[in-house]
Amino acid sequence: MKHEDSVAELARRFGISRKTAYKWIDRFLSGCELADRSRRPHSAPNAVRAEIEDAIVVARKQRPRWGPKKLRAALQRANPHAVLPSVSTFALIFKRNGLVVPRRRRSRTPPSTAPLSHVTSCNALWCIDFKGDFLVGRKRCYPLTVMDAHTRYLLACVALPNTRAVGVRRALLEVFRQFGLPRAIRSDNGSPFASRGPAGLSELSAWWLKLGIRHERIEPGKPQQNGRLERMHLTLKLDTAMPPRGSLRAQQRAFDRFRREYNELRPHEGLAHHLPADFYSASSGALPEPYWGKDFCYPEDFEVVRVRKPGTLQWNNRAVFVTSVLRHQLLGLQRRHRSWDVHFGPVRLGSLQSSKQRITFTRQ
């Protein structure tokens, strides 16, 4: 006698409902079909219209390095009344139209935001740095970048042939004349922004000090403390230097176009997809005359002495070397019990100590 199980018994054995069992039996009897069918709905009332998807594809091809968030924000800004799909749908459109190049994921150390947390207004802090260097024609190009930390407004991107202080100073003069003076400037510890001399001063930072600008230096080996500028450098490199232009003049034109786009067209995620130009305004602190700054005024109980051209000061009929960075600058000496504190404006450089044998300059 042939043994047959009921549908209910088979459903219990395979852990499915009787409804599912009958469904598979009907499919088999109707056409021997046992494969899963597509779960895609027969109609999609919320599907993106073809003309909108085409517009998204065209915009992505024009801005191939803009992600779905940035591109959606830019399109919404240009068409405020348009109903655009979500960011995730933008990403799907990129993918199905072959507009995404997969790349290997790399583990990264999350950037620290603490050093910039106190910045609450534009021109409170500017960030300055060089974006490496690369060959342009037969010359090297050193892009100097200056950014307002609060609004991410890119104040300058200048193609310089080297990193010498004279070229940086000339570029900053134009920035100061156009945008005024910040309260502070942050840089790394490299030349020409800092030196190994007293208080880390360089010719450039000494000039800033005379203009009333405080100089902040990041900790060595922690570029994330200037992270907003470092992140922009990656975009700058991709958009303007791969490949580089044929001359410094052509490279500068590329930098100028990038700066306009970065400030006025490119939505910034850190600004809730607004533009840096929406928030930035020039500083009320104007560049003084003379532009190289005036000597500091010291209290009445200070003795004042001017540093000579080699970087020495004359004290007790002896020449004491301070630093060539401060040649021709006026220093203030404050008497202590057995020494003199040496000041350059608000910055204490160290102390002069006298003995029977010699006079030494002790750095901080």
Protein backbone atom coordinates (compact mmCIF):
# COMPACT_ATOMS: atom_id res chain seq x y z
CA MET A 1 0.00 0.00 0.00
CA LYS A 2 1.43 3.38 -1.04
CA HIS A 3 1.94 5.85 1.83
CA GLU A 4 1.11 9.49 1.12
CA ASP A 5 1.53 12.44 3.50
CA SER A 6 -1.00 15.17 3.72
CA VAL A 7 -0.18 18.75 2.70
CA ALA A 8 -0.45 19.82 6.35
CA GLU A 9 2.04 17.14 7.42
CA LEU A 10 4.54 18.14 4.72
CA ALA A 11 4.19 21.81 5.60
CA ARG A 12 4.97 21.05 9.26
CA ARG A 13 7.96 18.91 8.25
CA PHE A 14 9.54 21.68 6.12
CA GLY A 15 8.61 24.53 8.43
CA ILE A 16 6.30 26.43 6.09
CA SER A 17 2.66 27.40 6.18
CA ARG A 18 -0.02 25.38 4.38
CA LYS A 19 -0.75 28.44 2.25
CA THR A 20 2.87 28.50 1.01
CA ALA A 21 2.79 24.75 0.39
CA TYR A 22 -0.35 25.01 -1.75
CA LYS A 23 1.21 27.94 -3.64
CA TRP A 24 4.25 25.90 -4.62
CA ILE A 25 2.09 22.89 -5.59
CA ASP A 26 -0.06 25.07 -7.86
CA ARG A 27 3.04 26.58 -9.49
CA PHE A 28 4.48 23.11 -10.15
CA LEU A 29 1.25 21.75 -11.61
CA SER A 30 0.77 24.81 -13.82
CA GLY A 31 4.23 24.85 -15.35
CA CYS A 32 6.81 22.90 -13.33
CA GLU A 33 8.09 26.24 -11.95
CA LEU A 34 9.94 26.04 -8.66
CA ALA A 35 12.26 29.08 -8.85
CA ASP A 36 11.64 32.29 -6.88
CA ARG A 37 9.79 34.92 -8.83
CA SER A 38 10.78 38.59 -8.84
CA ARG A 39 9.30 40.57 -5.96
CA ARG A 40 9.43 43.77 -7.96
CA PRO A 41 5.99 45.45 -8.00
CA HIS A 42 4.09 45.56 -11.28
CA SER A 43 3.76 49.32 -11.00
CA ALA A 44 5.90 51.98 -9.27
CA PRO A 45 3.94 55.20 -8.75
CA ASN A 46 6.90 56.83 -6.94
CA ALA A 47 9.47 56.01 -9.62
CA VAL A 48 11.74 58.84 -10.79
CA ARG A 49 10.57 60.34 -14.04
CA ALA A 50 12.86 59.80 -16.99
CA GLU A 51 13.50 63.51 -17.57
CA ILE A 52 14.53 64.02 -13.93
CA GLU A 53 16.88 61.05 -14.04
CA ASP A 54 18.40 62.36 -17.28
CA ALA A 55 18.97 65.75 -15.65
CA ILE A 56 20.65 64.08 -12.67
CA VAL A 57 22.90 62.05 -14.99
CA VAL A 58 23.89 65.17 -16.96
CA ALA A 59 24.66 67.09 -13.74
CA ARG A 60 26.75 64.20 -12.42
CA LYS A 61 28.76 64.07 -15.64
CA GLN A 62 29.42 67.80 -15.33
CA ARG A 63 30.49 67.39 -11.67
CA PRO A 64 31.87 63.83 -11.55
CA ARG A 65 33.45 64.33 -8.11
CA TRP A 66 30.31 65.58 -6.39
CA GLY A 67 28.54 62.97 -4.30
CA PRO A 68 24.76 62.44 -4.11
CA LYS A 69 24.29 64.77 -1.11
CA LYS A 70 26.22 67.64 -2.66
CA LEU A 71 24.69 67.25 -6.12
CA ARG A 72 21.15 67.02 -4.79
CA ALA A 73 21.67 70.17 -2.70
CA ALA A 74 23.08 72.04 -5.72
CA LEU A 75 20.17 70.99 -7.98
CA GLN A 76 17.63 71.89 -5.30
CA ARG A 77 19.27 75.28 -4.89
CA ALA A 78 19.14 75.91 -8.65
CA ASN A 79 15.53 74.62 -8.87
CA PRO A 80 13.91 75.42 -5.51
CA HIS A 81 10.40 74.34 -6.58
CA ALA A 82 11.45 71.01 -8.10
CA VAL A 83 10.58 67.77 -6.29
CA LEU A 84 13.81 65.79 -6.32
CA PRO A 85 14.33 62.17 -5.21
CA SER A 86 16.13 61.32 -1.99
CA VAL A 87 19.90 61.19 -1.57
CA SER A 88 19.80 57.37 -1.63
CA THR A 89 17.90 57.47 -4.94
CA PHE A 90 20.54 59.82 -6.34
CA ALA A 91 23.15 57.23 -5.36
CA LEU A 92 21.16 54.46 -7.09
CA ILE A 93 20.86 56.56 -10.25
CA PHE A 94 24.62 57.09 -10.24
CA LYS A 95 25.20 53.37 -9.87
CA ARG A 96 22.79 52.10 -12.53
CA ASN A 97 24.08 54.64 -15.05
CA GLY A 98 27.70 53.60 -14.54
CA LEU A 99 28.69 56.87 -12.89
CA VAL A 100 30.31 55.34 -9.80
CA VAL A 101 33.85 53.99 -9.76
CA PRO A 102 34.19 51.49 -6.88
CA ARG A 103 37.28 51.95 -4.77
CA ARG A 104 38.93 50.01 -2.01
CA ARG A 105 37.96 51.12 1.45
CA ARG A 106 40.78 52.27 3.67
CA SER A 107 40.68 52.67 7.41
CA ARG A 108 41.12 56.27 8.44
CA THR A 109 41.67 57.99 11.73
CA PRO A 110 38.64 60.20 12.43
CA PRO A 111 39.62 63.89 12.32
CA SER A 112 39.60 65.90 15.52
CA THR A 113 37.25 68.90 15.61
CA ALA A 114 38.28 70.13 19.05
CA PRO A 115 40.94 72.65 17.92
CA LEU A 116 38.34 74.58 15.91
CA SER A 117 35.38 74.27 18.27
CA HIS A 118 35.86 77.78 19.68
CA VAL A 119 35.49 79.46 16.27
CA THR A 120 32.04 81.05 16.16
CA SER A 121 32.37 83.88 13.64
CA CYS A 122 34.05 84.56 10.33
CA ASN A 123 37.55 86.06 10.38
CA ALA A 124 38.10 84.81 13.94
CA LEU A 125 40.55 82.26 12.55
CA TRP A 126 42.09 81.74 9.13
CA CYS A 127 43.91 78.54 8.17
CA ILE A 128 46.95 78.67 5.90
CA ASP A 129 49.06 75.95 4.32
CA PHE A 130 50.78 74.72 1.16
CA LYS A 131 49.19 71.90 -0.85
CA GLY A 132 52.42 70.05 -1.51
CA ASP A 133 54.05 70.75 -4.86
CA PHE A 134 53.93 69.37 -8.39
CA LEU A 135 55.53 69.98 -11.77
CA VAL A 136 53.86 72.55 -14.02
CA GLY A 137 55.60 72.69 -17.37
CA ARG A 138 59.26 72.97 -16.40
CA LYS A 139 58.66 74.61 -13.03
CA ARG A 140 57.44 73.47 -9.64
CA CYS A 141 54.14 74.80 -8.37
CA TYR A 142 53.48 75.30 -4.65
CA PRO A 143 49.77 76.10 -4.11
CA LEU A 144 49.30 78.44 -1.13
CA THR A 145 45.79 78.22 0.32
CA VAL A 146 44.05 80.43 2.89
CA MET A 147 40.60 79.56 4.30
CA ASP A 148 38.25 81.10 6.85
CA ALA A 149 37.77 78.38 9.48
CA HIS A 150 34.19 79.25 10.42
CA THR A 151 32.58 79.59 6.99
CA ARG A 152 35.03 77.43 4.95
CA TYR A 153 35.33 80.35 2.54
CA LEU A 154 38.44 79.88 0.40
CA LEU A 155 40.12 83.27 0.56
CA ALA A 156 43.06 82.50 -1.69
CA CYS A 157 44.65 79.77 -3.75
CA VAL A 158 47.88 81.07 -5.23
CA ALA A 159 50.32 79.23 -7.50
CA LEU A 160 53.78 80.10 -6.12
CA PRO A 161 57.13 78.97 -7.57
CA ASN A 162 58.56 78.29 -4.08
CA THR A 163 57.72 78.51 -0.38
CA ARG A 164 59.88 81.52 0.47
CA ALA A 165 58.48 84.10 2.86
CA VAL A 166 58.68 86.96 0.35
CA GLY A 167 56.21 85.32 -2.04
CA VAL A 168 53.85 84.28 0.75
CA ARG A 169 53.95 87.80 2.17
CA ARG A 170 53.16 89.31 -1.22
CA ALA A 171 50.20 86.95 -1.64
CA LEU A 172 48.91 87.67 1.87
CA LEU A 173 49.12 91.40 1.27
CA GLU A 174 46.55 91.02 -1.52
CA VAL A 175 44.35 88.88 0.73
CA PHE A 176 44.55 91.41 3.60
CA ARG A 177 43.73 94.29 1.27
CA GLN A 178 40.71 92.48 -0.13
CA PHE A 179 39.31 90.80 2.99
CA GLY A 180 40.83 92.69 5.93
CA LEU A 181 42.68 91.15 8.87
CA PRO A 182 41.71 88.07 10.89
CA ARG A 183 42.10 87.81 14.64
CA ALA A 184 44.26 84.68 14.33
CA ILE A 185 45.98 82.53 11.69
CA ARG A 186 46.61 78.81 12.13
CA SER A 187 49.46 76.99 10.35
CA ASP A 188 51.72 74.00 10.74
CA ASN A 189 55.24 74.26 12.14
CA GLY A 190 57.05 74.36 8.82
CA SER A 191 58.77 77.15 6.97
CA PRO A 192 57.93 79.94 6.29
CA PHE A 193 55.20 80.00 8.96
CA ALA A 194 57.41 79.00 11.90
CA SER A 195 61.05 78.45 12.77
CA ARG A 196 63.20 76.84 15.43
CA GLY A 197 64.11 80.23 16.86
CA PRO A 198 62.79 81.86 20.03
CA ALA A 199 59.02 81.30 20.49
CA GLY A 200 58.97 79.62 17.06
CA LEU A 201 58.80 83.01 15.36
CA SER A 202 59.50 83.42 11.65
CA GLU A 203 59.68 86.60 9.58
CA LEU A 204 56.12 85.93 8.49
CA SER A 205 54.66 85.29 11.95
CA ALA A 206 56.57 88.27 13.38
CA TRP A 207 54.86 90.43 10.73
CA TRP A 208 51.46 88.98 11.69
CA LEU A 209 52.18 89.79 15.32
CA LYS A 210 52.91 93.44 14.46
CA LEU A 211 49.59 93.58 12.59
CA GLY A 212 47.79 92.36 15.71
CA ILE A 213 47.20 88.82 14.38
CA ARG A 214 47.70 85.95 16.80
CA HIS A 215 49.58 82.98 15.35
CA GLU A 216 48.38 79.49 16.24
CA ARG A 217 50.50 76.46 15.39
CA ILE A 218 49.13 72.93 15.25
CA GLU A 219 50.84 70.17 17.17
CA PRO A 220 53.60 68.39 15.23
CA GLY A 221 52.32 65.35 13.37
CA LYS A 222 48.64 66.30 13.75
CA PRO A 223 47.47 67.76 10.42
CA GLN A 224 43.87 66.99 11.43
CA GLN A 225 44.01 70.09 13.62
CA ASN A 226 43.91 71.98 10.33
CA GLY A 227 41.49 69.38 8.98
CA ARG A 228 39.10 71.69 7.15
CA LEU A 229 41.92 72.96 4.98
CA GLU A 230 43.43 69.49 4.53
CA ARG A 231 40.11 68.08 3.29
CA MET A 232 39.78 70.89 0.76
CA HIS A 233 43.27 70.12 -0.52
CA LEU A 234 42.16 66.70 -1.72
CA THR A 235 39.35 68.25 -3.78
CA LEU A 236 41.71 70.93 -5.07
CA LYS A 237 44.20 68.32 -6.28
CA LEU A 238 41.55 66.22 -8.04
CA ASP A 239 39.93 69.19 -9.76
CA THR A 240 42.98 71.23 -10.80
CA ALA A 241 46.15 69.14 -10.77
CA MET A 242 45.24 65.78 -12.31
CA PRO A 243 46.67 66.51 -14.77
CA PRO A 244 48.39 69.84 -14.01
CA ARG A 245 48.30 72.72 -16.46
CA GLY A 246 51.15 73.66 -18.79
CA SER A 247 52.31 76.83 -17.00
CA LEU A 248 52.01 78.63 -13.68
CA ARG A 249 49.74 81.23 -15.28
CA ALA A 250 47.40 78.55 -16.63
CA GLN A 251 47.51 76.75 -13.28
CA GLN A 252 46.53 79.97 -11.53
CA ARG A 253 43.52 80.33 -13.83
CA ALA A 254 42.49 76.80 -12.87
CA PHE A 255 42.86 77.71 -9.17
CA ASP A 256 40.74 80.84 -9.67
CA ARG A 257 37.96 78.84 -11.32
CA PHE A 258 38.11 76.26 -8.52
CA ARG A 259 37.91 78.97 -5.84
CA ARG A 260 34.82 80.53 -7.41
CA GLU A 261 33.14 77.14 -7.68
CA TYR A 262 34.12 76.14 -4.14
CA ASN A 263 32.77 79.37 -2.63
CA GLU A 264 29.74 80.10 -4.80
CA LEU A 265 28.51 76.86 -6.43
CA ARG A 266 29.59 73.86 -4.38
CA PRO A 267 27.27 73.05 -1.42
CA HIS A 268 29.22 72.22 1.74
CA GLU A 269 28.00 69.40 3.93
CA GLY A 270 29.54 71.02 7.02
CA LEU A 271 27.35 74.07 6.35
CA ALA A 272 24.11 72.06 6.00
CA HIS A 273 24.59 72.15 2.21
CA HIS A 274 24.78 75.92 2.07
CA LEU A 275 27.58 77.77 0.28
CA PRO A 276 30.56 79.39 2.01
CA ALA A 277 29.65 82.63 0.21
CA ASP A 278 26.27 82.60 2.00
CA PHE A 279 27.95 83.24 5.34
CA TYR A 280 31.27 84.97 4.74
CA SER A 281 31.80 88.73 4.96
CA ALA A 282 35.04 90.69 4.93
CA SER A 283 36.76 91.65 8.17
CA SER A 284 36.34 95.12 9.63
CA GLY A 285 40.05 95.12 10.56
CA ALA A 286 41.81 96.99 7.77
CA LEU A 287 45.46 96.64 6.79
CA PRO A 288 47.32 99.48 8.55
CA GLU A 289 49.81 101.93 7.15
CA PRO A 290 52.63 101.12 6.87
CA TYR A 291 51.64 97.59 5.92
CA TRP A 292 54.73 96.10 7.60
CA GLY A 293 53.46 97.35 10.97
CA LYS A 294 54.73 99.78 13.59
CA ASP A 295 57.12 99.12 16.46
CA PHE A 296 55.56 97.81 19.66
CA CYS A 297 55.13 100.19 22.57
CA TYR A 298 56.53 98.82 25.84
CA PRO A 299 55.80 99.84 29.45
CA GLU A 300 57.87 102.59 31.04
CA ASP A 301 59.84 100.18 33.23
CA PHE A 302 61.11 98.31 30.13
CA GLU A 303 64.36 99.05 28.41
CA VAL A 304 64.07 98.98 24.62
CA VAL A 305 66.74 97.78 22.20
CA ARG A 306 66.67 97.25 18.46
CA VAL A 307 67.99 94.02 16.96
CA ARG A 308 70.84 94.59 14.53
CA LYS A 309 71.05 93.21 11.01
CA PRO A 310 72.90 89.99 11.94
CA GLY A 311 70.25 89.22 14.55
CA THR A 312 72.14 90.47 17.61
CA LEU A 313 71.34 93.04 20.26
CA GLN A 314 73.82 95.19 22.15
CA TRP A 315 73.55 94.69 25.90
CA ASN A 316 76.03 95.68 28.60
CA ASN A 317 78.53 96.54 25.85
CA ARG A 318 78.32 93.02 24.45
CA ALA A 319 76.61 91.54 21.39
CA VAL A 320 74.06 88.82 22.17
CA PHE A 321 72.62 86.79 19.34
CA VAL A 322 68.82 86.54 19.44
CA THR A 323 67.63 85.46 15.99
CA SER A 324 68.04 86.76 12.46
CA VAL A 325 64.26 86.53 12.08
CA LEU A 326 63.87 89.66 14.24
CA ARG A 327 66.55 91.82 12.66
CA HIS A 328 65.66 95.55 12.82
CA GLN A 329 62.81 94.81 15.27
CA LEU A 330 62.37 96.62 18.59
CA LEU A 331 62.51 94.41 21.70
CA GLY A 332 61.61 95.20 25.29
CA LEU A 333 63.79 94.15 28.26
CA GLN A 334 62.17 93.76 31.68
CA ARG A 335 64.45 93.64 34.73
CA ARG A 336 64.21 90.63 37.03
CA HIS A 337 66.31 89.75 40.08
CA ARG A 338 69.33 88.40 38.22
CA SER A 339 68.15 88.42 34.63
CA TRP A 340 66.18 90.34 32.02
CA ASP A 341 63.06 89.00 30.32
CA VAL A 342 63.12 89.64 26.58
CA HIS A 343 59.80 90.50 24.87
CA PHE A 344 58.76 91.03 21.30
CA GLY A 345 55.43 92.76 21.77
CA PRO A 346 53.16 90.39 23.74
CA VAL A 347 55.48 87.39 23.22
CA ARG A 348 58.16 86.54 25.78
CA LEU A 349 61.19 85.22 23.90
CA GLY A 350 63.28 84.15 26.88
CA SER A 351 65.70 85.76 29.32
CA LEU A 352 69.16 87.23 29.30
CA GLN A 353 71.36 85.99 32.09
CA SER A 354 74.66 87.54 33.10
CA SER A 355 77.66 85.90 34.71
CA LYS A 356 81.27 86.84 35.21
CA GLN A 357 82.35 84.77 32.26
CA ARG A 358 79.67 85.34 29.63
CA ILE A 359 76.22 86.53 28.73
CA THR A 360 73.76 83.97 27.42
CA PHE A 361 70.35 84.14 25.84
CA THR A 362 68.05 81.49 27.26
CA ARG A 363 65.20 80.47 25.00
CA GLN A 364 61.84 79.22 26.21
